[in-house]
Amino acid sequence: MDVVVETPGSQSSLHRANLERVVRAVRLAGSLTQAEIARSTGLSAATVSNIVRELRDNGTVQVTSTSSGGRRARSVALSGDAGIVVGVDFGHSHLRVAVGNLAHQVLAEQSEPIDVDASASQGFDRAEQLVARLVESTGIHPDKVLGVGLGVPGPIDVESGALGSTAILPGWSGINPRQELSDRLGVPVQVDNDANLGALGELVWGGGRGVKDLAYIKVASGVGAGLVIDGRIYRGPGGTAGEIGHITLDESGPVCRCGNRGCLETFTAARYVLELLRGSHGDGLTVPKMVQLAREGDPGCRRVIGDVGRHIGMGVASLCNLLNPSRVVLGGDLAEAGELVLGPIRESVSRYAIPSAAQRLSVVPGSLGARAEVLGALALVLSEMGDSTLLDGNTPVDTPAFSA
């Protein structure tokens, strides 16, 4: 039943609110049938039909024929002319940029190697150039860019956009990543850490689809978890929720970069793990190469990956006991090891988690690979964008600093 608010001007206010509800539902999902819109918004089928017709006539949405459950249906998506969004993902050794439209279609994407730790200004110079190049390649004018999502490999204060720890990115000391990129591009920027964006990417496009409670575990130069609770990223008041890498496994273990001893990260992150194989495999070994060798039967690499999986599982067990997620998605290069790492994770979870939590948990590899974070950056913009801009046909006031 549609909600009616008995206030002066209630009909126009209600109509506007219903327009925004429909636009938001479509924006978050990418595309929906009219029946799905009615279910997700609580509006009647007749109201949805009238609103979709109005939005189509003013160019906000596009409607195409499809089928649902073997029956003919009408699929509704935001118009391709409504605008585009950009995702920027900084890893410690790469920069990846993607451009997408409001129907959740990726229009252009590119990655290039970069030493992000060395210099923030050089990193942002490269990002600015790559964004301009990719937007130009789409043939869409830069002032159609409605927003940018930015991922960085460290904790972020979401309210201020500032880094929570410059020890992780020493070359970024004194830099506010959100403000820096916004000033350069002239458009609003949303920022989050890479694990949260990986979780958002897998939630919208990958291994987390259809799940409301999950943890995305990324193992790279550090170890982090993106937490999704009731369908939304949980960041905590300081933006540091999900720092699973600093759960203490051995209080007399190796000293971690955070200053504590025996953190999960010191048993699983690349720089610690690869050192274990230096004597037998020499210098220059990388995590992808270690995974490849393990899949080919190398006993040393298999042993190390199994140990890493068991340690990750101990951290996942703690998450299960505290948050009881229904799915854990493993991202990063290590996920390519498949059951060589997933099996030991499950073994540790079954040993250390309370049975009721462990029995309901599925542990799966991410399906997006290295693209999870940049797609999550796109999803971040799509989820945070205001619907009034789309309804009113507005574009950002400032012309972007980059040009096509």
Protein backbone atom coordinates (compact mmCIF):
# COMPACT_ATOMS: atom_id res chain seq x y z
CA MET A 1 0.00 0.00 0.00
CA ASP A 2 1.29 3.49 -0.91
CA VAL A 3 1.89 5.79 2.03
CA VAL A 4 -0.08 9.05 2.11
CA VAL A 5 1.08 11.89 4.34
CA GLU A 6 -1.71 14.31 5.28
CA THR A 7 0.12 17.64 5.07
CA PRO A 8 -0.32 20.74 2.92
CA GLY A 9 1.01 20.03 -0.53
CA SER A 10 1.14 16.33 0.34
CA GLN A 11 0.30 15.14 -3.17
CA SER A 12 3.26 16.88 -4.79
CA SER A 13 5.57 15.93 -1.93
CA LEU A 14 4.43 12.32 -2.07
CA HIS A 15 4.87 12.22 -5.83
CA ARG A 16 8.39 13.58 -5.56
CA ALA A 17 9.25 11.08 -2.81
CA ASN A 18 7.91 8.21 -4.92
CA LEU A 19 9.95 9.35 -7.92
CA GLU A 20 13.09 9.32 -5.78
CA ARG A 21 12.26 5.88 -4.36
CA VAL A 22 11.96 4.41 -7.84
CA VAL A 23 15.13 6.11 -9.11
CA ARG A 24 17.07 4.95 -6.06
CA ALA A 25 15.92 1.35 -6.43
CA VAL A 26 16.94 1.27 -10.08
CA ARG A 27 20.23 3.08 -9.42
CA LEU A 28 21.32 0.63 -6.74
CA ALA A 29 20.31 -2.48 -8.70
CA GLY A 30 21.43 -1.39 -12.18
CA SER A 31 18.18 -2.61 -13.73
CA LEU A 32 14.88 -3.95 -12.41
CA THR A 33 11.59 -5.09 -13.84
CA GLN A 34 8.56 -3.05 -12.87
CA ALA A 35 7.38 -5.91 -10.65
CA GLU A 36 10.75 -5.91 -8.86
CA ILE A 37 10.53 -2.14 -8.39
CA ALA A 38 7.11 -2.54 -6.81
CA ARG A 39 8.42 -5.21 -4.41
CA SER A 40 11.54 -3.27 -3.41
CA THR A 41 9.80 0.10 -2.92
CA GLY A 42 6.45 -1.06 -1.53
CA LEU A 43 4.61 0.96 -4.18
CA SER A 44 1.64 -0.45 -6.04
CA ALA A 45 2.06 -1.81 -9.56
CA ALA A 46 -0.11 0.99 -10.95
CA THR A 47 1.94 3.70 -9.22
CA VAL A 48 5.19 2.15 -10.47
CA SER A 49 3.83 1.96 -14.02
CA ASN A 50 2.87 5.65 -13.98
CA ILE A 51 6.19 6.74 -12.47
CA VAL A 52 8.24 4.69 -14.93
CA ARG A 53 6.27 6.21 -17.81
CA GLU A 54 6.99 9.71 -16.48
CA LEU A 55 10.70 8.98 -15.93
CA ARG A 56 10.98 7.50 -19.41
CA ASP A 57 9.31 10.50 -21.01
CA ASN A 58 11.69 12.95 -19.31
CA GLY A 59 14.74 10.87 -20.23
CA THR A 60 15.71 9.68 -16.75
CA VAL A 61 15.21 5.96 -17.43
CA GLN A 62 15.13 3.64 -20.41
CA VAL A 63 12.73 0.70 -20.70
CA THR A 64 13.42 -2.48 -22.65
CA SER A 65 11.52 -5.72 -23.15
CA THR A 66 12.77 -8.74 -21.21
CA SER A 67 11.45 -11.88 -19.56
CA SER A 68 11.08 -12.85 -15.91
CA GLY A 69 10.10 -16.35 -14.82
CA GLY A 70 9.27 -17.22 -18.43
CA ARG A 71 6.87 -14.26 -18.76
CA ARG A 72 7.29 -11.05 -20.71
CA ALA A 73 8.40 -8.10 -18.60
CA ARG A 74 9.77 -4.58 -18.89
CA SER A 75 13.30 -3.90 -17.63
CA VAL A 76 13.98 -0.41 -16.28
CA ALA A 77 17.47 1.12 -16.12
CA LEU A 78 18.77 4.64 -15.78
CA SER A 79 19.31 6.34 -19.11
CA GLY A 80 22.70 6.10 -20.75
CA ASP A 81 22.54 9.88 -21.14
CA ALA A 82 22.01 10.48 -17.42
CA GLY A 83 25.74 10.59 -16.69
CA ILE A 84 28.78 8.46 -15.94
CA VAL A 85 30.83 7.62 -12.85
CA VAL A 86 34.51 6.85 -12.40
CA GLY A 87 36.30 4.38 -10.12
CA VAL A 88 39.95 4.83 -9.12
CA ASP A 89 41.78 2.09 -7.22
CA PHE A 90 45.25 2.66 -5.79
CA GLY A 91 47.08 -0.52 -4.81
CA HIS A 92 50.61 -0.53 -3.42
CA SER A 93 51.91 -1.48 -6.87
CA HIS A 94 49.12 -0.63 -9.30
CA LEU A 95 46.63 1.98 -10.40
CA ARG A 96 43.35 0.85 -11.95
CA VAL A 97 40.62 3.14 -13.33
CA ALA A 98 37.16 2.26 -14.65
CA VAL A 99 34.38 4.34 -16.18
CA GLY A 100 30.79 3.15 -15.92
CA ASN A 101 27.28 4.36 -16.59
CA LEU A 102 24.33 4.45 -14.23
CA ALA A 103 23.00 1.15 -15.59
CA HIS A 104 26.03 -0.60 -14.01
CA GLN A 105 27.77 -1.11 -17.35
CA VAL A 106 31.57 -0.70 -17.45
CA LEU A 107 32.43 1.43 -20.46
CA ALA A 108 36.23 1.59 -20.16
CA GLU A 109 38.85 0.15 -17.82
CA GLN A 110 42.64 0.13 -17.60
CA SER A 111 45.37 -0.79 -15.11
CA GLU A 112 49.04 0.19 -14.99
CA PRO A 113 51.91 -0.51 -12.58
CA ILE A 114 52.85 2.23 -10.14
CA ASP A 115 54.75 2.58 -6.85
CA VAL A 116 51.98 4.20 -4.83
CA ASP A 117 54.06 4.24 -1.63
CA ALA A 118 56.75 6.48 -3.15
CA SER A 119 54.89 9.74 -3.84
CA ALA A 120 51.27 10.78 -3.49
CA SER A 121 51.61 13.63 -6.00
CA GLN A 122 53.01 11.33 -8.68
CA GLY A 123 50.22 8.84 -8.02
CA PHE A 124 47.54 11.48 -8.38
CA ASP A 125 49.21 12.85 -11.51
CA ARG A 126 48.95 9.40 -13.09
CA ALA A 127 45.36 8.97 -11.90
CA GLU A 128 44.32 12.33 -13.33
CA GLN A 129 45.85 11.47 -16.70
CA LEU A 130 44.33 7.99 -16.83
CA VAL A 131 40.86 9.24 -15.89
CA ALA A 132 41.01 11.86 -18.65
CA ARG A 133 42.16 9.29 -21.19
CA LEU A 134 39.46 6.75 -20.34
CA VAL A 135 36.63 9.30 -20.24
CA GLU A 136 37.77 10.54 -23.65
CA SER A 137 37.75 6.97 -24.98
CA THR A 138 34.04 6.64 -24.15
CA GLY A 139 33.15 9.61 -26.33
CA ILE A 140 31.16 11.12 -23.44
CA HIS A 141 31.80 14.74 -22.47
CA PRO A 142 33.68 15.19 -19.16
CA ASP A 143 30.93 17.31 -17.63
CA LYS A 144 28.76 14.18 -17.66
CA VAL A 145 30.94 12.75 -14.87
CA LEU A 146 28.69 12.80 -11.79
CA GLY A 147 31.19 11.50 -9.26
CA VAL A 148 34.34 9.50 -8.58
CA GLY A 149 34.93 6.61 -6.18
CA LEU A 150 38.47 6.32 -4.80
CA GLY A 151 40.07 3.32 -3.10
CA VAL A 152 43.33 3.43 -1.14
CA PRO A 153 45.24 0.62 0.62
CA GLY A 154 44.86 1.90 4.17
CA PRO A 155 42.31 2.97 6.81
CA ILE A 156 40.23 6.03 5.91
CA ASP A 157 38.24 8.43 8.05
CA VAL A 158 35.15 8.41 5.85
CA GLU A 159 33.80 11.72 7.18
CA SER A 160 36.97 13.75 6.54
CA GLY A 161 38.43 11.64 3.75
CA ALA A 162 41.81 11.62 5.51
CA LEU A 163 44.12 8.65 5.94
CA GLY A 164 43.84 7.01 9.33
CA SER A 165 47.47 5.83 9.38
CA THR A 166 50.34 7.35 7.41
CA ALA A 167 52.60 4.49 8.56
CA ILE A 168 50.94 2.35 5.88
CA LEU A 169 51.47 4.96 3.13
CA PRO A 170 54.41 7.09 4.34
CA GLY A 171 54.63 8.97 1.04
CA TRP A 172 51.07 10.24 1.59
CA SER A 173 51.70 12.05 4.87
CA GLY A 174 49.58 15.19 5.10
CA ILE A 175 47.47 14.25 2.06
CA ASN A 176 43.68 14.10 2.12
CA PRO A 177 43.05 11.72 -0.81
CA ARG A 178 39.40 12.69 -1.30
CA GLN A 179 40.12 16.43 -1.37
CA GLU A 180 43.21 16.01 -3.54
CA LEU A 181 41.41 14.10 -6.29
CA SER A 182 38.30 16.27 -6.08
CA ASP A 183 40.38 19.43 -6.53
CA ARG A 184 42.12 17.92 -9.53
CA LEU A 185 38.99 16.60 -11.29
CA GLY A 186 36.45 19.19 -10.18
CA VAL A 187 33.82 16.59 -9.26
CA PRO A 188 32.64 15.05 -5.96
CA VAL A 189 34.81 12.16 -4.73
CA GLN A 190 33.84 9.34 -2.35
CA VAL A 191 36.75 7.50 -0.70
CA ASP A 192 37.15 4.21 1.16
CA ASN A 193 39.79 1.58 1.84
CA ASP A 194 40.47 -1.19 -0.64
CA ALA A 195 38.98 -4.01 1.45
CA ASN A 196 35.65 -2.20 1.85
CA LEU A 197 35.53 -1.50 -1.87
CA GLY A 198 36.39 -5.13 -2.63
CA ALA A 199 33.44 -6.16 -0.46
CA LEU A 200 31.18 -3.69 -2.25
CA GLY A 201 32.35 -4.87 -5.68
CA GLU A 202 31.75 -8.54 -4.86
CA LEU A 203 28.41 -7.65 -3.25
CA VAL A 204 27.11 -5.86 -6.35
CA TRP A 205 28.80 -7.77 -9.18
CA GLY A 206 30.50 -10.89 -7.84
CA GLY A 207 30.62 -13.66 -5.25
CA GLY A 208 28.52 -11.78 -2.70
CA ARG A 209 25.42 -11.21 -4.85
CA GLY A 210 22.23 -12.05 -3.02
CA VAL A 211 23.91 -12.04 0.42
CA LYS A 212 23.25 -9.43 3.10
CA ASP A 213 25.96 -10.37 5.59
CA LEU A 214 29.46 -11.14 4.36
CA ALA A 215 33.15 -10.49 4.92
CA TYR A 216 35.56 -9.86 2.05
CA ILE A 217 39.11 -10.84 3.05
CA LYS A 218 41.96 -9.35 1.02
CA VAL A 219 45.49 -10.66 1.54
CA ALA A 220 48.22 -8.65 -0.18
CA SER A 221 50.95 -6.45 1.35
CA GLY A 222 48.60 -6.33 4.33
CA VAL A 223 45.45 -8.14 5.40
CA GLY A 224 42.08 -6.43 5.64
CA ALA A 225 38.41 -7.30 5.74
CA GLY A 226 35.49 -5.44 4.25
CA LEU A 227 32.39 -6.10 6.33
CA VAL A 228 28.84 -6.06 4.97
CA ILE A 229 26.08 -6.11 7.59
CA ASP A 230 22.45 -6.14 6.46
CA GLY A 231 23.48 -5.21 2.94
CA ARG A 232 25.62 -2.20 3.86
CA ILE A 233 29.34 -1.68 4.42
CA TYR A 234 30.13 -1.38 8.12
CA ARG A 235 33.04 0.99 8.73
CA GLY A 236 32.84 1.83 12.42
CA PRO A 237 32.95 5.38 13.82
CA GLY A 238 36.63 5.81 12.95
CA GLY A 239 36.56 3.93 9.64
CA THR A 240 38.84 1.15 10.90
CA ALA A 241 36.35 -1.73 11.19
CA GLY A 242 37.63 -4.86 9.50
CA GLU A 243 41.34 -4.54 10.37
CA ILE A 244 41.46 -8.31 10.73
CA GLY A 245 45.17 -8.30 9.96
CA HIS A 246 45.89 -7.03 13.46
CA ILE A 247 44.17 -9.77 15.40
CA THR A 248 46.86 -11.22 17.67
CA LEU A 249 47.67 -14.86 16.97
CA ASP A 250 50.93 -15.10 18.95
CA GLU A 251 51.83 -12.42 21.49
CA SER A 252 55.48 -13.49 21.35
CA GLY A 253 55.52 -13.62 17.53
CA PRO A 254 57.16 -11.29 14.98
CA VAL A 255 56.83 -7.52 15.48
CA CYS A 256 54.16 -6.09 13.19
CA ARG A 257 54.29 -2.68 11.51
CA CYS A 258 51.50 -1.62 13.88
CA GLY A 259 53.87 -2.16 16.83
CA ASN A 260 52.24 -5.27 18.25
CA ARG A 261 53.59 -8.79 18.09
CA GLY A 262 52.23 -11.82 16.28
CA CYS A 263 49.43 -10.12 14.33
CA LEU A 264 47.64 -12.21 11.70
CA GLU A 265 49.35 -10.05 9.07
CA THR A 266 52.80 -11.22 10.18
CA PHE A 267 51.81 -14.81 9.30
CA THR A 268 49.93 -14.14 6.04
CA ALA A 269 51.01 -10.93 4.23
CA ALA A 270 53.20 -11.28 1.15
CA ARG A 271 56.42 -9.84 2.55
CA TYR A 272 56.40 -12.32 5.45
CA VAL A 273 55.23 -15.36 3.50
CA LEU A 274 57.61 -15.02 0.56
CA GLU A 275 60.56 -14.73 2.91
CA LEU A 276 59.85 -18.30 4.06
CA LEU A 277 60.52 -19.55 0.52
CA ARG A 278 63.57 -17.45 -0.29
CA GLY A 279 66.05 -20.14 0.77
CA SER A 280 64.47 -22.82 -1.43
CA HIS A 281 63.13 -20.71 -4.31
CA GLY A 282 65.52 -17.73 -4.47
CA ASP A 283 64.79 -14.03 -4.82
CA GLY A 284 62.09 -12.60 -7.07
CA LEU A 285 59.28 -14.92 -6.05
CA THR A 286 55.85 -13.26 -6.11
CA VAL A 287 52.51 -14.37 -4.70
CA PRO A 288 51.07 -15.12 -8.19
CA LYS A 289 54.17 -17.20 -8.98
CA MET A 290 53.95 -18.99 -5.63
CA VAL A 291 50.30 -19.82 -6.34
CA GLN A 292 51.16 -21.07 -9.82
CA LEU A 293 53.92 -23.32 -8.47
CA ALA A 294 51.60 -24.65 -5.77
CA ARG A 295 48.95 -25.52 -8.34
CA GLU A 296 51.64 -27.36 -10.31
CA GLY A 297 52.51 -29.45 -7.24
CA ASP A 298 55.46 -27.63 -5.62
CA PRO A 299 55.50 -29.01 -2.04
CA GLY A 300 57.09 -25.95 -0.39
CA CYS A 301 54.61 -23.51 -1.94
CA ARG A 302 51.72 -25.82 -1.08
CA ARG A 303 52.84 -26.01 2.53
CA VAL A 304 53.17 -22.24 2.87
CA ILE A 305 49.79 -21.59 1.25
CA GLY A 306 48.17 -24.18 3.51
CA ASP A 307 49.70 -22.53 6.58
CA VAL A 308 48.49 -19.13 5.40
CA GLY A 309 44.99 -20.55 4.95
CA ARG A 310 44.95 -21.97 8.47
CA HIS A 311 46.03 -18.62 9.92
CA ILE A 312 43.44 -16.72 7.89
CA GLY A 313 40.85 -19.22 9.12
CA MET A 314 41.68 -18.33 12.72
CA GLY A 315 40.92 -14.69 11.96
CA VAL A 316 37.75 -15.64 10.08
CA ALA A 317 36.65 -17.75 13.06
CA SER A 318 36.88 -14.65 15.26
CA LEU A 319 34.72 -12.76 12.77
CA CYS A 320 32.19 -15.60 12.79
CA ASN A 321 31.96 -15.58 16.57
CA LEU A 322 31.47 -11.81 16.66
CA LEU A 323 29.40 -11.02 13.54
CA ASN A 324 28.09 -14.38 12.25
CA PRO A 325 28.35 -13.61 8.49
CA SER A 326 26.78 -16.04 6.05
CA ARG A 327 29.61 -15.83 3.51
CA VAL A 328 33.33 -15.07 3.41
CA VAL A 329 34.78 -14.06 0.05
CA LEU A 330 38.55 -14.36 -0.35
CA GLY A 331 40.10 -11.78 -2.68
CA GLY A 332 43.59 -10.88 -3.86
CA ASP A 333 46.13 -13.06 -5.66
CA LEU A 334 45.92 -15.77 -3.00
CA ALA A 335 42.33 -16.58 -4.00
CA GLU A 336 43.69 -18.08 -7.24
CA ALA A 337 45.04 -20.99 -5.15
CA GLY A 338 41.47 -22.28 -4.85
CA GLU A 339 41.03 -25.22 -2.50
CA LEU A 340 44.73 -25.17 -1.56
CA VAL A 341 43.91 -22.13 0.58
CA LEU A 342 40.13 -22.35 0.99
CA GLY A 343 40.26 -25.86 2.45
CA PRO A 344 42.61 -24.89 5.31
CA ILE A 345 40.52 -21.76 5.98
CA ARG A 346 37.42 -23.92 6.40
CA GLU A 347 39.32 -26.36 8.65
CA SER A 348 40.37 -23.55 11.00
CA VAL A 349 36.89 -22.06 11.02
CA SER A 350 35.36 -25.41 11.97
CA ARG A 351 37.93 -25.78 14.76
CA TYR A 352 37.87 -22.29 16.28
CA ALA A 353 34.41 -20.86 15.50
CA ILE A 354 31.34 -21.77 17.51
CA PRO A 355 29.50 -24.57 15.64
CA SER A 356 26.31 -22.64 14.96
CA ALA A 357 28.30 -19.88 13.21
CA ALA A 358 30.63 -22.25 11.32
CA GLN A 359 27.78 -24.41 9.99
CA ARG A 360 26.05 -21.45 8.33
CA LEU A 361 29.21 -20.03 6.76
CA SER A 362 30.31 -20.54 3.17
CA VAL A 363 33.89 -19.65 2.18
CA VAL A 364 34.30 -18.88 -1.53
CA PRO A 365 36.86 -17.22 -3.82
CA GLY A 366 36.06 -13.80 -5.19
CA SER A 367 34.80 -13.86 -8.76
CA LEU A 368 36.12 -10.42 -9.78
CA GLY A 369 39.83 -10.94 -9.18
CA ALA A 370 41.92 -7.78 -9.37
CA ARG A 371 38.86 -5.81 -10.57
CA ALA A 372 36.95 -6.11 -7.28
CA GLU A 373 38.20 -2.85 -5.78
CA VAL A 374 37.76 -0.62 -8.83
CA LEU A 375 34.25 -2.00 -9.44
CA GLY A 376 33.57 -1.39 -5.76
CA ALA A 377 34.66 2.22 -6.29
CA LEU A 378 32.05 2.54 -9.03
CA ALA A 379 29.45 0.95 -6.75
CA LEU A 380 30.40 3.40 -3.97
CA VAL A 381 29.53 6.37 -6.17
CA LEU A 382 26.32 4.75 -7.34
CA SER A 383 25.25 4.02 -3.76
CA GLU A 384 26.11 7.48 -2.37
CA MET A 385 24.79 9.57 -5.25
CA GLY A 386 21.80 11.82 -4.60
CA ASP A 387 18.69 11.16 -6.68
CA SER A 388 17.62 14.80 -6.94
CA THR A 389 20.45 15.47 -9.40
CA LEU A 390 19.17 12.73 -11.70
CA LEU A 391 15.56 13.86 -11.48
CA ASP A 392 16.33 17.52 -12.05
CA GLY A 393 18.73 16.88 -14.89
CA ASN A 394 21.53 18.74 -13.11
CA THR A 395 25.24 18.23 -13.70
CA PRO A 396 28.10 19.27 -11.44
CA VAL A 397 28.49 23.02 -11.19
CA ASP A 398 32.25 23.02 -11.82
CA THR A 399 33.64 21.85 -15.13
CA PRO A 400 36.14 19.04 -14.50
CA ALA A 401 39.81 19.94 -14.63
CA PHE A 402 40.48 17.13 -17.11
CA SER A 403 39.32 17.49 -20.70
CA ALA A 404 38.34 15.11 -23.43
